Amino acid sequence: MAIEHQRSMTVEEYFQVEDDNLDIRYEYIDGRVYAMAGGTANHDTIKSNMQRILWHLLRGSNCRVYSSDMKVYISETRYFHPDVTVTCDPRDRGTIQAIQAPRLVVEVLSPTTELTDRTWKLKNYRAHPTIEEYVLVDSRSLKIEIYHKENNKWIYDAYENNEEIPLYSVGVSFSLADAYTDVEFEEHAEDYR
């Protein structure tokens, strides 16, 4: 969930707000700044698992894996903080403040962000010229959904149980179960019927 700052600001002012508030991440959308709210322990565990999995699989390659601490340039008027981002562009290293050429983006779904992640952010990510894959990881059940670009068309796949998850944009795969290591789902009363 995001909390909006009411005043409109420039990109430069947005960068300054982030520099001045290192404990809070903000997304910049058409002149408005939105503080990113914290998530559950499961959300953070899944995000950390995905970052660790991708880092391990891509270690030694020309690709880099970044956490939600890094902002991603979406357009002249939009900067997001995806949960995990992979870029294989050498310009996205060192002292840069925003990733310019992401290849793969991961968002961990939560009840407060799911609709935005599935609709508005999906539209923005699909329109980005360098993004080839968008991964949605459910934080309430064992399910990963992927949109990947193939011959200029976006293909949707959903994975459940202990399936192997292919990431075509970076040429690796991982077990769905690994994304949920140490995640504890709540037991619901209807599960006992």
N, C-alpha and C. Protein backbone atom coordinates (compact mmCIF):
# COMPACT_ATOMS: atom_id res chain seq x y z
N MET A 1 0.85 -1.18 0.00
CA MET A 1 0.00 0.00 0.00
C MET A 1 0.89 1.24 0.00
N ALA A 2 0.49 2.22 -0.72
CA ALA A 2 1.28 3.44 -0.83
C ALA A 2 0.53 4.61 -0.20
N ILE A 3 1.29 5.52 0.38
CA ILE A 3 0.72 6.72 0.97
C ILE A 3 1.22 7.90 0.15
N GLU A 4 0.29 8.71 -0.37
CA GLU A 4 0.65 9.78 -1.29
C GLU A 4 1.06 11.06 -0.56
N HIS A 5 2.12 11.69 -1.07
CA HIS A 5 2.45 13.06 -0.68
C HIS A 5 1.62 13.96 -1.59
N GLN A 6 0.93 14.92 -1.03
CA GLN A 6 -0.04 15.71 -1.77
C GLN A 6 0.57 16.65 -2.81
N ARG A 7 1.73 17.21 -2.54
CA ARG A 7 2.33 18.20 -3.41
C ARG A 7 2.95 17.54 -4.64
N SER A 8 2.73 18.14 -5.80
CA SER A 8 3.38 17.67 -7.02
C SER A 8 4.84 18.09 -6.99
N MET A 9 5.73 17.24 -7.55
CA MET A 9 7.15 17.58 -7.55
C MET A 9 7.84 17.09 -8.81
N THR A 10 9.01 17.64 -9.04
CA THR A 10 9.82 17.26 -10.20
C THR A 10 10.56 15.96 -9.90
N VAL A 11 11.13 15.36 -10.93
CA VAL A 11 11.94 14.16 -10.75
C VAL A 11 13.12 14.47 -9.84
N GLU A 12 13.75 15.62 -10.03
CA GLU A 12 14.90 16.00 -9.20
C GLU A 12 14.49 16.11 -7.73
N GLU A 13 13.33 16.69 -7.46
CA GLU A 13 12.84 16.78 -6.07
C GLU A 13 12.56 15.39 -5.51
N TYR A 14 12.00 14.52 -6.34
CA TYR A 14 11.76 13.13 -5.93
C TYR A 14 13.06 12.44 -5.53
N PHE A 15 14.09 12.56 -6.35
CA PHE A 15 15.38 11.95 -6.02
C PHE A 15 15.90 12.50 -4.69
N GLN A 16 15.70 13.78 -4.45
CA GLN A 16 16.15 14.39 -3.19
C GLN A 16 15.36 13.85 -2.01
N VAL A 17 14.06 13.67 -2.17
CA VAL A 17 13.23 13.09 -1.10
C VAL A 17 13.77 11.70 -0.75
N GLU A 18 14.09 10.89 -1.76
CA GLU A 18 14.62 9.56 -1.48
C GLU A 18 15.99 9.63 -0.79
N ASP A 19 16.83 10.55 -1.23
CA ASP A 19 18.15 10.70 -0.61
C ASP A 19 18.03 11.14 0.85
N ASP A 20 17.03 11.97 1.15
CA ASP A 20 16.84 12.49 2.50
C ASP A 20 16.14 11.51 3.43
N ASN A 21 15.48 10.50 2.88
CA ASN A 21 14.70 9.54 3.68
C ASN A 21 15.11 8.12 3.33
N LEU A 22 16.27 7.72 3.79
CA LEU A 22 16.82 6.42 3.39
C LEU A 22 16.03 5.23 3.93
N ASP A 23 15.21 5.42 4.96
CA ASP A 23 14.44 4.32 5.54
C ASP A 23 13.12 4.08 4.83
N ILE A 24 12.71 5.01 3.95
CA ILE A 24 11.43 4.89 3.26
C ILE A 24 11.68 4.94 1.76
N ARG A 25 11.01 4.08 1.03
CA ARG A 25 11.10 4.08 -0.43
C ARG A 25 9.83 4.71 -0.98
N TYR A 26 9.99 5.48 -2.05
CA TYR A 26 8.87 6.18 -2.67
C TYR A 26 8.82 5.83 -4.14
N GLU A 27 7.61 5.72 -4.67
CA GLU A 27 7.45 5.60 -6.11
C GLU A 27 6.97 6.95 -6.63
N TYR A 28 7.43 7.27 -7.83
CA TYR A 28 7.12 8.56 -8.45
C TYR A 28 6.23 8.31 -9.64
N ILE A 29 5.02 8.87 -9.60
CA ILE A 29 4.04 8.63 -10.65
C ILE A 29 3.43 9.96 -11.07
N ASP A 30 3.83 10.40 -12.25
CA ASP A 30 3.26 11.60 -12.86
C ASP A 30 3.27 12.81 -11.93
N GLY A 31 4.41 13.06 -11.29
CA GLY A 31 4.57 14.22 -10.43
C GLY A 31 4.17 14.02 -8.99
N ARG A 32 3.59 12.89 -8.67
CA ARG A 32 3.19 12.57 -7.29
C ARG A 32 4.14 11.53 -6.72
N VAL A 33 4.36 11.61 -5.41
CA VAL A 33 5.26 10.70 -4.72
C VAL A 33 4.44 9.88 -3.74
N TYR A 34 4.64 8.56 -3.77
CA TYR A 34 3.90 7.63 -2.92
C TYR A 34 4.88 6.84 -2.06
N ALA A 35 4.72 6.93 -0.74
CA ALA A 35 5.56 6.16 0.18
C ALA A 35 5.10 4.70 0.14
N MET A 36 6.05 3.79 0.04
CA MET A 36 5.72 2.37 -0.01
C MET A 36 5.55 1.84 1.41
N ALA A 37 4.43 1.22 1.68
CA ALA A 37 4.15 0.67 3.01
C ALA A 37 4.84 -0.68 3.17
N GLY A 38 5.11 -1.05 4.39
CA GLY A 38 5.74 -2.33 4.67
C GLY A 38 4.80 -3.50 4.43
N GLY A 39 5.37 -4.70 4.35
CA GLY A 39 4.57 -5.89 4.10
C GLY A 39 4.68 -6.87 5.24
N THR A 40 4.17 -8.07 5.02
CA THR A 40 4.19 -9.12 6.03
C THR A 40 5.55 -9.83 6.03
N ALA A 41 5.76 -10.65 7.05
CA ALA A 41 6.98 -11.45 7.12
C ALA A 41 7.06 -12.39 5.91
N ASN A 42 5.93 -12.98 5.51
CA ASN A 42 5.94 -13.86 4.34
C ASN A 42 6.33 -13.10 3.08
N HIS A 43 5.79 -11.90 2.91
CA HIS A 43 6.12 -11.07 1.74
C HIS A 43 7.63 -10.84 1.69
N ASP A 44 8.21 -10.44 2.81
CA ASP A 44 9.64 -10.15 2.86
C ASP A 44 10.47 -11.41 2.64
N THR A 45 10.02 -12.53 3.19
CA THR A 45 10.75 -13.80 3.01
C THR A 45 10.75 -14.22 1.55
N ILE A 46 9.60 -14.11 0.90
CA ILE A 46 9.50 -14.48 -0.52
C ILE A 46 10.38 -13.55 -1.37
N LYS A 47 10.32 -12.26 -1.09
CA LYS A 47 11.15 -11.29 -1.82
C LYS A 47 12.63 -11.64 -1.65
N SER A 48 13.04 -11.93 -0.42
CA SER A 48 14.44 -12.29 -0.16
C SER A 48 14.81 -13.60 -0.86
N ASN A 49 13.90 -14.57 -0.83
CA ASN A 49 14.15 -15.84 -1.52
C ASN A 49 14.36 -15.62 -3.02
N MET A 50 13.48 -14.81 -3.62
CA MET A 50 13.60 -14.57 -5.06
C MET A 50 14.91 -13.86 -5.40
N GLN A 51 15.28 -12.90 -4.58
CA GLN A 51 16.54 -12.19 -4.83
C GLN A 51 17.73 -13.16 -4.69
N ARG A 52 17.70 -13.98 -3.65
CA ARG A 52 18.79 -14.95 -3.43
C ARG A 52 18.86 -15.97 -4.56
N ILE A 53 17.71 -16.51 -4.99
CA ILE A 53 17.67 -17.49 -6.08
C ILE A 53 18.27 -16.90 -7.35
N LEU A 54 17.79 -15.71 -7.71
CA LEU A 54 18.27 -15.08 -8.94
C LEU A 54 19.74 -14.70 -8.84
N TRP A 55 20.17 -14.20 -7.69
CA TRP A 55 21.58 -13.87 -7.51
C TRP A 55 22.45 -15.11 -7.71
N HIS A 56 22.03 -16.22 -7.09
CA HIS A 56 22.81 -17.46 -7.20
C HIS A 56 22.85 -17.96 -8.65
N LEU A 57 21.70 -17.94 -9.33
CA LEU A 57 21.64 -18.45 -10.70
C LEU A 57 22.40 -17.56 -11.70
N LEU A 58 22.46 -16.27 -11.41
CA LEU A 58 23.06 -15.33 -12.37
C LEU A 58 24.46 -14.87 -11.96
N ARG A 59 24.95 -15.37 -10.83
CA ARG A 59 26.28 -14.99 -10.36
C ARG A 59 27.32 -15.33 -11.42
N GLY A 60 28.20 -14.39 -11.70
CA GLY A 60 29.24 -14.62 -12.70
C GLY A 60 28.81 -14.29 -14.12
N SER A 61 27.54 -13.95 -14.31
CA SER A 61 27.05 -13.58 -15.65
C SER A 61 27.16 -12.07 -15.80
N ASN A 62 26.68 -11.55 -16.91
CA ASN A 62 26.69 -10.10 -17.09
C ASN A 62 25.43 -9.45 -16.49
N CYS A 63 24.58 -10.23 -15.84
CA CYS A 63 23.35 -9.71 -15.25
C CYS A 63 23.55 -9.41 -13.76
N ARG A 64 22.80 -8.44 -13.27
CA ARG A 64 22.83 -8.06 -11.86
C ARG A 64 21.41 -8.11 -11.30
N VAL A 65 21.32 -8.51 -10.03
CA VAL A 65 20.04 -8.63 -9.35
C VAL A 65 19.98 -7.56 -8.26
N TYR A 66 18.89 -6.80 -8.26
CA TYR A 66 18.73 -5.72 -7.29
C TYR A 66 17.44 -5.89 -6.49
N SER A 67 17.48 -5.40 -5.25
CA SER A 67 16.31 -5.45 -4.37
C SER A 67 15.43 -4.22 -4.58
N SER A 68 14.40 -4.12 -3.79
CA SER A 68 13.49 -2.98 -3.88
C SER A 68 14.13 -1.67 -3.43
N ASP A 69 15.35 -1.72 -2.93
CA ASP A 69 16.06 -0.48 -2.60
C ASP A 69 16.37 0.33 -3.86
N MET A 70 16.50 -0.35 -5.00
CA MET A 70 16.81 0.34 -6.26
C MET A 70 15.53 0.74 -6.97
N LYS A 71 15.49 1.99 -7.39
CA LYS A 71 14.34 2.43 -8.18
C LYS A 71 14.60 2.10 -9.64
N VAL A 72 13.51 1.93 -10.38
CA VAL A 72 13.59 1.56 -11.80
C VAL A 72 12.90 2.65 -12.62
N TYR A 73 13.61 3.14 -13.61
CA TYR A 73 13.06 4.12 -14.55
C TYR A 73 12.03 3.41 -15.43
N ILE A 74 10.80 3.88 -15.37
CA ILE A 74 9.73 3.33 -16.19
C ILE A 74 9.47 4.25 -17.38
N SER A 75 9.42 5.55 -17.10
CA SER A 75 9.24 6.58 -18.13
C SER A 75 9.73 7.89 -17.54
N GLU A 76 9.66 8.96 -18.32
CA GLU A 76 10.11 10.28 -17.85
C GLU A 76 9.37 10.71 -16.58
N THR A 77 8.16 10.21 -16.39
CA THR A 77 7.36 10.64 -15.24
C THR A 77 7.03 9.51 -14.27
N ARG A 78 7.73 8.37 -14.39
CA ARG A 78 7.43 7.24 -13.50
C ARG A 78 8.69 6.49 -13.09
N TYR A 79 8.82 6.28 -11.79
CA TYR A 79 9.88 5.46 -11.21
C TYR A 79 9.23 4.53 -10.20
N PHE A 80 9.49 3.22 -10.32
CA PHE A 80 8.94 2.23 -9.40
C PHE A 80 10.07 1.59 -8.59
N HIS A 81 9.68 0.91 -7.52
CA HIS A 81 10.59 0.10 -6.70
C HIS A 81 10.09 -1.34 -6.71
N PRO A 82 10.34 -2.11 -7.79
CA PRO A 82 9.90 -3.51 -7.79
C PRO A 82 10.58 -4.28 -6.67
N ASP A 83 9.98 -5.40 -6.26
CA ASP A 83 10.57 -6.20 -5.19
C ASP A 83 11.95 -6.71 -5.59
N VAL A 84 12.08 -7.19 -6.82
CA VAL A 84 13.38 -7.66 -7.34
C VAL A 84 13.46 -7.26 -8.81
N THR A 85 14.63 -6.82 -9.23
CA THR A 85 14.85 -6.43 -10.62
C THR A 85 16.14 -7.05 -11.12
N VAL A 86 16.13 -7.54 -12.36
CA VAL A 86 17.34 -8.04 -13.00
C VAL A 86 17.62 -7.17 -14.22
N THR A 87 18.84 -6.72 -14.33
CA THR A 87 19.30 -5.98 -15.50
C THR A 87 20.59 -6.62 -16.00
N CYS A 88 20.74 -6.65 -17.29
CA CYS A 88 21.96 -7.20 -17.89
C CYS A 88 22.71 -6.12 -18.67
N ASP A 89 22.32 -4.88 -18.45
CA ASP A 89 22.93 -3.75 -19.13
C ASP A 89 24.07 -3.21 -18.27
N PRO A 90 25.30 -3.13 -18.82
CA PRO A 90 26.44 -2.67 -18.03
C PRO A 90 26.31 -1.24 -17.52
N ARG A 91 25.42 -0.46 -18.09
CA ARG A 91 25.21 0.91 -17.60
C ARG A 91 24.46 0.93 -16.28
N ASP A 92 23.81 -0.18 -15.91
CA ASP A 92 23.03 -0.27 -14.67
C ASP A 92 23.87 -0.80 -13.51
N ARG A 93 25.04 -0.23 -13.32
CA ARG A 93 25.94 -0.68 -12.26
C ARG A 93 26.59 0.53 -11.59
N GLY A 94 27.29 0.27 -10.52
CA GLY A 94 28.07 1.32 -9.89
C GLY A 94 27.24 2.30 -9.09
N THR A 95 27.40 3.57 -9.37
CA THR A 95 26.80 4.62 -8.54
C THR A 95 25.49 5.17 -9.11
N ILE A 96 24.90 4.48 -10.07
CA ILE A 96 23.62 4.96 -10.63
C ILE A 96 22.55 5.01 -9.54
N GLN A 97 21.57 5.86 -9.72
CA GLN A 97 20.48 5.98 -8.75
C GLN A 97 19.21 5.28 -9.22
N ALA A 98 19.14 4.93 -10.50
CA ALA A 98 17.94 4.25 -11.01
C ALA A 98 18.35 3.32 -12.15
N ILE A 99 17.77 2.14 -12.16
CA ILE A 99 18.01 1.18 -13.23
C ILE A 99 17.28 1.68 -14.47
N GLN A 100 18.00 1.77 -15.57
CA GLN A 100 17.44 2.27 -16.82
C GLN A 100 16.94 1.15 -17.74
N ALA A 101 17.60 -0.01 -17.68
CA ALA A 101 17.29 -1.08 -18.65
C ALA A 101 17.00 -2.40 -17.94
N PRO A 102 15.93 -2.48 -17.15
CA PRO A 102 15.61 -3.75 -16.51
C PRO A 102 15.21 -4.79 -17.56
N ARG A 103 15.53 -6.05 -17.29
CA ARG A 103 15.14 -7.12 -18.20
C ARG A 103 14.01 -7.95 -17.58
N LEU A 104 14.10 -8.16 -16.26
CA LEU A 104 13.12 -8.99 -15.55
C LEU A 104 12.72 -8.25 -14.28
N VAL A 105 11.42 -8.25 -13.98
CA VAL A 105 10.90 -7.60 -12.79
C VAL A 105 10.06 -8.60 -12.01
N VAL A 106 10.25 -8.62 -10.69
CA VAL A 106 9.47 -9.50 -9.80
C VAL A 106 8.70 -8.63 -8.82
N GLU A 107 7.41 -8.90 -8.70
CA GLU A 107 6.58 -8.28 -7.67
C GLU A 107 5.95 -9.40 -6.85
N VAL A 108 6.06 -9.28 -5.52
CA VAL A 108 5.40 -10.22 -4.62
C VAL A 108 4.03 -9.63 -4.30
N LEU A 109 3.00 -10.38 -4.59
CA LEU A 109 1.63 -9.89 -4.41
C LEU A 109 1.24 -9.85 -2.95
N SER A 110 0.55 -8.80 -2.57
CA SER A 110 -0.06 -8.71 -1.25
C SER A 110 -1.48 -8.21 -1.45
N PRO A 111 -2.36 -8.39 -0.46
CA PRO A 111 -3.74 -7.98 -0.65
C PRO A 111 -3.88 -6.50 -1.03
N THR A 112 -3.01 -5.64 -0.52
CA THR A 112 -3.15 -4.20 -0.79
C THR A 112 -2.56 -3.78 -2.13
N THR A 113 -1.66 -4.58 -2.71
CA THR A 113 -1.02 -4.19 -3.97
C THR A 113 -1.41 -5.07 -5.16
N GLU A 114 -2.10 -6.18 -4.90
CA GLU A 114 -2.35 -7.15 -5.96
C GLU A 114 -3.05 -6.57 -7.18
N LEU A 115 -4.11 -5.82 -6.97
CA LEU A 115 -4.85 -5.27 -8.11
C LEU A 115 -3.96 -4.35 -8.94
N THR A 116 -3.21 -3.48 -8.30
CA THR A 116 -2.30 -2.57 -9.00
C THR A 116 -1.22 -3.34 -9.74
N ASP A 117 -0.63 -4.35 -9.07
CA ASP A 117 0.43 -5.15 -9.70
C ASP A 117 -0.08 -5.91 -10.93
N ARG A 118 -1.32 -6.38 -10.87
CA ARG A 118 -1.90 -7.19 -11.96
C ARG A 118 -2.42 -6.35 -13.13
N THR A 119 -2.68 -5.09 -12.89
CA THR A 119 -3.29 -4.27 -13.94
C THR A 119 -2.39 -3.12 -14.35
N TRP A 120 -2.37 -2.07 -13.54
CA TRP A 120 -1.67 -0.84 -13.90
C TRP A 120 -0.17 -1.05 -14.04
N LYS A 121 0.46 -1.74 -13.07
CA LYS A 121 1.91 -1.97 -13.19
C LYS A 121 2.20 -2.93 -14.34
N LEU A 122 1.37 -3.95 -14.53
CA LEU A 122 1.54 -4.85 -15.67
C LEU A 122 1.57 -4.05 -16.96
N LYS A 123 0.64 -3.13 -17.12
CA LYS A 123 0.59 -2.30 -18.33
C LYS A 123 1.88 -1.49 -18.49
N ASN A 124 2.36 -0.88 -17.41
CA ASN A 124 3.59 -0.10 -17.45
C ASN A 124 4.81 -0.96 -17.77
N TYR A 125 4.91 -2.10 -17.14
CA TYR A 125 6.06 -2.99 -17.38
C TYR A 125 6.05 -3.53 -18.81
N ARG A 126 4.89 -3.91 -19.31
CA ARG A 126 4.81 -4.42 -20.68
C ARG A 126 5.16 -3.35 -21.70
N ALA A 127 4.92 -2.08 -21.39
CA ALA A 127 5.23 -1.00 -22.32
C ALA A 127 6.71 -0.60 -22.28
N HIS A 128 7.42 -1.02 -21.24
CA HIS A 128 8.84 -0.65 -21.11
C HIS A 128 9.65 -1.35 -22.20
N PRO A 129 10.52 -0.65 -22.90
CA PRO A 129 11.21 -1.24 -24.06
C PRO A 129 12.20 -2.36 -23.73
N THR A 130 12.72 -2.42 -22.48
CA THR A 130 13.72 -3.47 -22.19
C THR A 130 13.19 -4.61 -21.34
N ILE A 131 12.03 -4.45 -20.74
CA ILE A 131 11.50 -5.53 -19.89
C ILE A 131 10.97 -6.66 -20.76
N GLU A 132 11.49 -7.86 -20.50
CA GLU A 132 11.10 -9.05 -21.25
C GLU A 132 10.29 -10.04 -20.42
N GLU A 133 10.28 -9.84 -19.09
CA GLU A 133 9.58 -10.80 -18.23
C GLU A 133 9.11 -10.11 -16.95
N TYR A 134 7.87 -10.44 -16.56
CA TYR A 134 7.26 -9.89 -15.35
C TYR A 134 6.76 -11.07 -14.53
N VAL A 135 7.27 -11.21 -13.31
CA VAL A 135 6.98 -12.34 -12.45
C VAL A 135 6.15 -11.86 -11.26
N LEU A 136 5.00 -12.51 -11.06
CA LEU A 136 4.12 -12.22 -9.92
C LEU A 136 4.14 -13.42 -8.99
N VAL A 137 4.57 -13.21 -7.75
CA VAL A 137 4.68 -14.30 -6.78
C VAL A 137 3.62 -14.07 -5.71
N ASP A 138 2.72 -15.03 -5.55
CA ASP A 138 1.64 -14.91 -4.57
C ASP A 138 2.22 -15.06 -3.16
N SER A 139 1.77 -14.21 -2.24
CA SER A 139 2.27 -14.31 -0.86
C SER A 139 1.31 -15.08 0.04
N ARG A 140 0.17 -15.53 -0.52
CA ARG A 140 -0.81 -16.25 0.29
C ARG A 140 -1.03 -17.70 -0.13
N SER A 141 -0.40 -18.10 -1.24
CA SER A 141 -0.50 -19.49 -1.69
C SER A 141 0.69 -19.80 -2.59
N LEU A 142 0.89 -21.07 -2.87
CA LEU A 142 2.01 -21.49 -3.71
C LEU A 142 1.66 -21.29 -5.18
N LYS A 143 1.93 -20.10 -5.68
CA LYS A 143 1.59 -19.81 -7.07
C LYS A 143 2.49 -18.69 -7.60
N ILE A 144 3.05 -18.93 -8.78
CA ILE A 144 3.85 -17.93 -9.47
C ILE A 144 3.29 -17.78 -10.87
N GLU A 145 3.06 -16.52 -11.27
CA GLU A 145 2.57 -16.22 -12.61
C GLU A 145 3.64 -15.41 -13.34
N ILE A 146 3.78 -15.71 -14.63
CA ILE A 146 4.82 -15.03 -15.41
C ILE A 146 4.25 -14.55 -16.74
N TYR A 147 4.57 -13.31 -17.07
CA TYR A 147 4.34 -12.76 -18.39
C TYR A 147 5.71 -12.62 -19.03
N HIS A 148 5.90 -13.23 -20.19
CA HIS A 148 7.18 -13.05 -20.88
C HIS A 148 6.95 -12.72 -22.35
N LYS A 149 7.87 -11.92 -22.85
CA LYS A 149 7.77 -11.45 -24.23
C LYS A 149 8.42 -12.48 -25.14
N GLU A 150 7.67 -12.86 -26.17
CA GLU A 150 8.17 -13.83 -27.14
C GLU A 150 7.71 -13.37 -28.53
N ASN A 151 8.66 -13.05 -29.41
CA ASN A 151 8.33 -12.53 -30.75
C ASN A 151 7.37 -11.35 -30.69
N ASN A 152 7.67 -10.41 -29.80
CA ASN A 152 6.88 -9.19 -29.60
C ASN A 152 5.45 -9.43 -29.12
N LYS A 153 5.17 -10.63 -28.60
CA LYS A 153 3.88 -10.93 -27.98
C LYS A 153 4.14 -11.32 -26.53
N TRP A 154 3.20 -10.98 -25.66
CA TRP A 154 3.32 -11.32 -24.25
C TRP A 154 2.56 -12.63 -23.99
N ILE A 155 3.25 -13.59 -23.41
CA ILE A 155 2.71 -14.92 -23.10
C ILE A 155 2.53 -15.02 -21.59
N TYR A 156 1.40 -15.58 -21.16
CA TYR A 156 1.12 -15.76 -19.73
C TYR A 156 1.24 -17.23 -19.36
N ASP A 157 1.91 -17.51 -18.24
CA ASP A 157 2.00 -18.87 -17.69
C ASP A 157 1.78 -18.80 -16.18
N ALA A 158 1.15 -19.83 -15.62
CA ALA A 158 0.96 -19.92 -14.17
C ALA A 158 1.51 -21.25 -13.69
N TYR A 159 2.17 -21.22 -12.53
CA TYR A 159 2.82 -22.41 -11.98
C TYR A 159 2.36 -22.59 -10.54
N GLU A 160 2.09 -23.85 -10.18
CA GLU A 160 1.69 -24.18 -8.82
C GLU A 160 2.42 -25.44 -8.40
N ASN A 161 2.22 -25.81 -7.15
CA ASN A 161 2.85 -27.00 -6.58
C ASN A 161 4.37 -26.91 -6.67
N ASN A 162 5.05 -27.99 -7.00
CA ASN A 162 6.51 -27.97 -7.01
C ASN A 162 7.05 -27.97 -8.44
N GLU A 163 6.51 -27.11 -9.26
CA GLU A 163 6.93 -27.05 -10.66
C GLU A 163 8.26 -26.32 -10.81
N GLU A 164 8.92 -26.59 -11.92
CA GLU A 164 10.13 -25.85 -12.29
C GLU A 164 9.69 -24.60 -13.04
N ILE A 165 10.24 -23.47 -12.65
CA ILE A 165 9.85 -22.17 -13.21
C ILE A 165 10.93 -21.71 -14.19
N PRO A 166 10.62 -21.65 -15.48
CA PRO A 166 11.62 -21.14 -16.44
C PRO A 166 11.56 -19.62 -16.53
N LEU A 167 12.72 -19.00 -16.55
CA LEU A 167 12.81 -17.56 -16.78
C LEU A 167 13.53 -17.38 -18.11
N TYR A 168 12.75 -17.21 -19.15
CA TYR A 168 13.29 -17.16 -20.51
C TYR A 168 14.19 -15.96 -20.75
N SER A 169 13.90 -14.84 -20.10
CA SER A 169 14.65 -13.61 -20.35
C SER A 169 16.10 -13.69 -19.91
N VAL A 170 16.38 -14.56 -18.94
CA VAL A 170 17.76 -14.69 -18.45
C VAL A 170 18.29 -16.12 -18.57
N GLY A 171 17.50 -17.02 -19.15
CA GLY A 171 17.96 -18.37 -19.45
C GLY A 171 18.24 -19.25 -18.25
N VAL A 172 17.45 -19.12 -17.18
CA VAL A 172 17.63 -19.96 -15.99
C VAL A 172 16.26 -20.49 -15.56
N SER A 173 16.27 -21.43 -14.62
CA SER A 173 15.03 -21.92 -14.04
C SER A 173 15.28 -22.26 -12.58
N PHE A 174 14.18 -22.34 -11.80
CA PHE A 174 14.28 -22.67 -10.38
C PHE A 174 13.00 -23.38 -9.96
N SER A 175 13.05 -24.04 -8.82
CA SER A 175 11.90 -24.74 -8.29
C SER A 175 10.96 -23.76 -7.57
N LEU A 176 9.67 -23.88 -7.84
CA LEU A 176 8.70 -23.04 -7.17
C LEU A 176 8.85 -23.15 -5.65
N ALA A 177 9.12 -24.34 -5.16
CA ALA A 177 9.25 -24.54 -3.71
C ALA A 177 10.37 -23.68 -3.13
N ASP A 178 11.43 -23.43 -3.89
CA ASP A 178 12.53 -22.60 -3.38
C ASP A 178 12.09 -21.16 -3.11
N ALA A 179 11.14 -20.66 -3.88
CA ALA A 179 10.65 -19.30 -3.66
C ALA A 179 9.90 -19.19 -2.33
N TYR A 180 9.42 -20.33 -1.81
CA TYR A 180 8.62 -20.33 -0.58
C TYR A 180 9.35 -20.94 0.60
N THR A 181 10.66 -21.07 0.52
CA THR A 181 11.45 -21.58 1.65
C THR A 181 11.21 -20.70 2.88
N ASP A 182 10.90 -21.33 4.00
CA ASP A 182 10.68 -20.67 5.30
C ASP A 182 9.42 -19.80 5.34
N VAL A 183 8.52 -19.94 4.38
CA VAL A 183 7.25 -19.22 4.40
C VAL A 183 6.23 -20.07 5.14
N GLU A 184 5.50 -19.46 6.07
CA GLU A 184 4.49 -20.17 6.86
C GLU A 184 3.12 -19.56 6.56
N PHE A 185 2.29 -20.33 5.86
CA PHE A 185 0.94 -19.86 5.54
C PHE A 185 0.02 -20.13 6.73
N GLU A 186 -0.95 -19.23 6.91
CA GLU A 186 -1.92 -19.42 7.98
C GLU A 186 -2.84 -20.58 7.61
N GLU A 187 -3.22 -21.34 8.65
CA GLU A 187 -4.19 -22.40 8.44
C GLU A 187 -5.58 -21.80 8.61
N HIS A 188 -6.46 -22.09 7.68
CA HIS A 188 -7.82 -21.56 7.74
C HIS A 188 -8.78 -22.63 8.22
N ALA A 189 -9.83 -22.23 8.89
CA ALA A 189 -10.80 -23.17 9.44
C ALA A 189 -11.38 -24.07 8.35
N GLU A 190 -11.57 -23.52 7.13
CA GLU A 190 -12.17 -24.33 6.08
C GLU A 190 -11.23 -25.46 5.63
N ASP A 191 -9.93 -25.36 5.97
CA ASP A 191 -8.99 -26.42 5.60
C ASP A 191 -9.26 -27.71 6.38
N TYR A 192 -10.00 -27.61 7.50
CA TYR A 192 -10.23 -28.78 8.35
C TYR A 192 -11.57 -29.45 8.07
N ARG A 193 -12.30 -28.98 7.09
CA ARG A 193 -13.60 -29.58 6.79
C ARG A 193 -13.45 -30.77 5.90
